[in-house]
Amino acid sequence: MNSNQKTIIIGDKALTLRATFRALANIEDKTLKPFTTLIQDAAEGRFRIKDVAVILKEGSAAADAPLTDKEIEDLIEENGVLNVATGLAEFLAAALYGGVDKPVEKKVAE
């Protein structure tokens, strides 16, 4: 597996996402958020549904396993936004640290 590639488990599905420069730039462009803000949002569980969809779409396309809009919608509906976002937090952390799995500290809303 490439160092910029991460397989995440969401529900009963294993998804491979790749953090290429182009994928990360597209994610920033489409979410209108800098990568560091997305990392912070992930750590704090503050993802917008559109952000979740964009990250899944761009990361899966970069891994040559593109998810369709319908597959993304089903994944979110079947597993809940927070469960999907948790997997994406792992992917973003791996992208931040160059593919090395690092824990993302989750903060619970008070």
Protein backbone atom coordinates (compact mmCIF):
# COMPACT_ATOMS: atom_id res chain seq x y z
CA MET A 1 0.00 0.00 0.00
CA ASN A 2 1.26 3.48 -0.79
CA SER A 3 2.23 5.62 2.18
CA ASN A 4 -0.40 8.17 1.18
CA GLN A 5 -3.12 5.52 0.98
CA LYS A 6 -5.40 4.49 3.84
CA THR A 7 -7.99 1.76 4.10
CA ILE A 8 -10.78 2.70 6.48
CA ILE A 9 -13.62 0.53 7.73
CA ILE A 10 -17.10 2.02 7.69
CA GLY A 11 -19.80 -0.37 8.78
CA ASP A 12 -19.03 -3.61 6.96
CA LYS A 13 -17.18 -1.93 4.10
CA ALA A 14 -13.44 -1.44 3.65
CA LEU A 15 -12.72 1.70 1.62
CA THR A 16 -9.34 2.64 0.26
CA LEU A 17 -8.67 6.37 0.00
CA ARG A 18 -5.52 8.03 -1.30
CA ALA A 19 -4.25 11.46 -0.26
CA THR A 20 -2.58 12.69 -3.43
CA PHE A 21 -1.71 16.35 -3.83
CA ARG A 22 -4.48 16.70 -6.43
CA ALA A 23 -7.06 14.96 -4.23
CA LEU A 24 -6.24 17.15 -1.22
CA ALA A 25 -6.29 20.31 -3.37
CA ASN A 26 -9.67 19.29 -4.81
CA ILE A 27 -11.00 18.63 -1.31
CA GLU A 28 -9.90 22.12 -0.22
CA ASP A 29 -11.42 23.71 -3.33
CA LYS A 30 -14.74 21.89 -3.04
CA THR A 31 -15.19 22.28 0.72
CA LEU A 32 -13.85 25.86 0.71
CA LYS A 33 -11.78 24.90 3.76
CA PRO A 34 -8.02 24.62 4.22
CA PHE A 35 -6.72 21.14 4.95
CA THR A 36 -5.77 22.12 8.51
CA THR A 37 -9.35 23.22 9.21
CA LEU A 38 -10.64 19.89 7.91
CA ILE A 39 -8.22 18.09 10.25
CA GLN A 40 -9.44 20.17 13.18
CA ASP A 41 -13.09 19.60 12.21
CA ALA A 42 -12.40 15.86 12.04
CA ALA A 43 -10.81 15.82 15.49
CA GLU A 44 -13.80 17.68 16.91
CA GLY A 45 -16.48 15.75 14.99
CA ARG A 46 -17.68 18.85 13.14
CA PHE A 47 -18.05 17.65 9.56
CA ARG A 48 -20.70 18.95 7.21
CA ILE A 49 -22.41 16.22 5.18
CA LYS A 50 -21.15 17.85 1.97
CA ASP A 51 -17.59 17.75 3.32
CA VAL A 52 -17.94 14.05 4.07
CA ALA A 53 -19.17 13.39 0.52
CA VAL A 54 -16.37 15.43 -1.07
CA ILE A 55 -13.63 13.71 0.94
CA LEU A 56 -15.01 10.26 0.09
CA LYS A 57 -15.38 11.11 -3.59
CA GLU A 58 -11.92 12.67 -4.02
CA GLY A 59 -10.06 10.16 -1.83
CA SER A 60 -11.63 7.14 -3.49
CA ALA A 61 -11.07 8.54 -7.00
CA ALA A 62 -7.38 9.10 -6.21
CA ALA A 63 -7.16 5.47 -5.07
CA ASP A 64 -8.55 4.34 -8.45
CA ALA A 65 -11.69 3.03 -6.72
CA PRO A 66 -14.12 5.93 -7.26
CA LEU A 67 -17.34 5.88 -5.31
CA THR A 68 -20.50 7.02 -7.05
CA ASP A 69 -22.75 9.67 -5.53
CA LYS A 70 -25.30 6.91 -4.82
CA GLU A 71 -22.70 4.76 -3.05
CA ILE A 72 -21.68 7.74 -0.91
CA GLU A 73 -25.29 8.57 -0.07
CA ASP A 74 -25.98 4.92 0.88
CA LEU A 75 -22.83 4.76 3.00
CA ILE A 76 -23.85 7.86 4.96
CA GLU A 77 -27.50 6.79 5.31
CA GLU A 78 -26.62 3.25 6.41
CA ASN A 79 -23.87 4.17 8.86
CA GLY A 80 -24.63 7.71 10.01
CA VAL A 81 -22.59 10.83 9.41
CA LEU A 82 -20.55 10.52 12.60
CA ASN A 83 -19.46 6.93 11.89
CA VAL A 84 -18.42 7.86 8.36
CA ALA A 85 -16.68 11.01 9.60
CA THR A 86 -14.69 8.96 12.13
CA GLY A 87 -13.23 6.91 9.29
CA LEU A 88 -12.45 10.07 7.37
CA ALA A 89 -10.68 11.49 10.42
CA GLU A 90 -8.34 8.48 10.23
CA PHE A 91 -7.73 9.15 6.54
CA LEU A 92 -7.01 12.86 7.10
CA ALA A 93 -4.67 12.09 9.99
CA ALA A 94 -2.78 9.63 7.79
CA ALA A 95 -2.53 12.32 5.09
CA LEU A 96 -1.23 14.83 7.64
CA TYR A 97 1.43 12.45 8.96
CA GLY A 98 2.47 11.03 5.59
CA GLY A 99 0.54 7.79 5.80
CA VAL A 100 1.67 6.86 9.29
CA ASP A 101 -1.32 5.98 11.40
CA LYS A 102 -1.60 8.49 14.20
CA PRO A 103 -4.53 8.67 16.60
CA VAL A 104 -6.95 11.55 16.24
CA GLU A 105 -8.06 12.81 19.62
CA LYS A 106 -11.82 13.12 19.60
CA LYS A 107 -13.50 15.81 21.62
CA VAL A 108 -17.02 15.22 22.84
CA ALA A 109 -19.35 18.20 22.65
CA GLU A 110 -20.32 19.39 26.07
